[in-house]
Amino acid sequence: MRGLLLALIVTVFLLLHQDCWFWRTAHPLVFGFLPIGIFYHACYAIGASLLMWLLVRFAWPSHLEKGTEKEEPVKTARAEGHR
C-alpha cells in the first residue's frame, strides 16, 4: 500500500511539473520582485527534494545492501591515519 501511495505522489509531481498556467504572465510578483513562475519552480524544487527524501526513507531497496554489510571495508592510507 505504501508503494502505491508513493507512486501516486510521484505521478502527481510529474503532472505538476508541467506548469502551463504561469507561462504567459509574470504577475503577480511574489515578495514584490519575484515572478510567480520562478516562485512556483522554487517551491516545486523544495517539494521534489522532500519527495526524494520520502522515497529514500520508505522505498529504498534495502534487500540489495544485505550482502555488502558483511564485507570488510577497504582500508586506505587515510583510514589508517597516514597522510
Protein backbone atom coordinates (compact mmCIF):
# COMPACT_ATOMS: atom_id res chain seq x y z
CA MET A 1 0.00 0.00 0.00
CA ARG A 2 2.86 2.34 0.84
CA GLY A 3 4.47 1.74 -2.55
CA LEU A 4 1.23 2.55 -4.34
CA LEU A 5 0.84 5.79 -2.39
CA LEU A 6 4.43 6.83 -3.18
CA ALA A 7 3.90 6.02 -6.87
CA LEU A 8 0.76 8.15 -6.86
CA ILE A 9 2.64 11.07 -5.26
CA VAL A 10 5.42 10.77 -7.86
CA THR A 11 2.82 10.81 -10.64
CA VAL A 12 1.19 13.92 -9.18
CA PHE A 13 4.59 15.62 -9.01
CA LEU A 14 5.27 14.74 -12.63
CA LEU A 15 1.95 16.28 -13.65
CA LEU A 16 2.54 19.40 -11.53
CA HIS A 17 5.88 19.96 -13.23
CA GLN A 18 4.04 20.85 -16.45
CA ASP A 19 3.01 24.28 -15.22
CA CYS A 20 1.30 25.69 -18.29
CA TRP A 21 -0.74 28.10 -16.16
CA PHE A 22 2.17 30.52 -15.44
CA TRP A 23 3.69 30.74 -18.95
CA ARG A 24 2.01 33.86 -20.26
CA THR A 25 2.33 36.25 -17.31
CA ALA A 26 4.92 37.26 -14.76
CA HIS A 27 2.30 38.71 -12.43
CA PRO A 28 1.60 38.59 -9.58
CA LEU A 29 5.06 39.25 -8.21
CA VAL A 30 5.88 37.30 -5.07
CA PHE A 31 7.62 39.40 -2.40
CA GLY A 32 7.28 42.33 -4.80
CA PHE A 33 10.05 41.24 -7.20
CA LEU A 34 9.89 37.50 -7.92
CA PRO A 35 7.77 36.37 -10.89
CA ILE A 36 5.17 33.78 -9.98
CA GLY A 37 6.60 31.15 -12.36
CA ILE A 38 10.03 31.23 -10.74
CA PHE A 39 8.48 31.13 -7.28
CA TYR A 40 6.40 28.12 -8.35
CA HIS A 41 9.51 26.28 -9.54
CA ALA A 42 11.38 27.13 -6.34
CA CYS A 43 8.53 25.64 -4.32
CA TYR A 44 8.40 22.68 -6.70
CA ALA A 45 12.14 22.05 -6.22
CA ILE A 46 11.72 22.06 -2.44
CA GLY A 47 8.76 19.69 -2.72
CA ALA A 48 10.71 17.40 -5.08
CA SER A 49 13.61 17.22 -2.64
CA LEU A 50 11.19 16.29 0.15
CA LEU A 51 9.66 13.67 -2.13
CA MET A 52 13.10 12.21 -2.83
CA TRP A 53 13.74 12.07 0.94
CA LEU A 54 10.44 10.18 1.36
CA LEU A 55 11.37 7.76 -1.39
CA VAL A 56 14.78 7.06 0.13
CA ARG A 57 13.30 6.74 3.61
CA PHE A 58 10.37 4.47 2.78
CA ALA A 59 11.08 2.83 -0.60
CA TRP A 60 14.82 2.17 -0.57
CA PRO A 61 15.58 -1.40 -1.70
CA SER A 62 17.49 -2.40 1.45
CA HIS A 63 17.50 -6.06 0.43
CA LEU A 64 20.17 -5.15 -2.15
CA GLU A 65 22.52 -3.97 0.60
CA LYS A 66 22.33 -7.06 2.83
CA GLY A 67 25.22 -8.83 1.13
CA THR A 68 27.53 -5.84 1.34
CA GLU A 69 27.11 -5.23 5.08
CA LYS A 70 29.15 -8.29 5.99
CA GLU A 71 32.13 -7.39 3.84
CA GLU A 72 35.12 -5.66 5.40
CA PRO A 73 35.64 -2.06 4.30
CA VAL A 74 38.58 -1.41 2.03
CA LYS A 75 41.44 0.07 4.02
CA THR A 76 43.00 3.17 2.61
CA ALA A 77 46.01 5.18 3.67
CA ARG A 78 43.76 7.93 5.03
CA ALA A 79 41.65 5.48 7.04
CA GLU A 80 44.80 4.08 8.69
CA GLY A 81 45.94 7.54 9.71
CA HIS A 82 48.70 8.00 7.09
CA ARG A 83 48.90 11.14 5.05
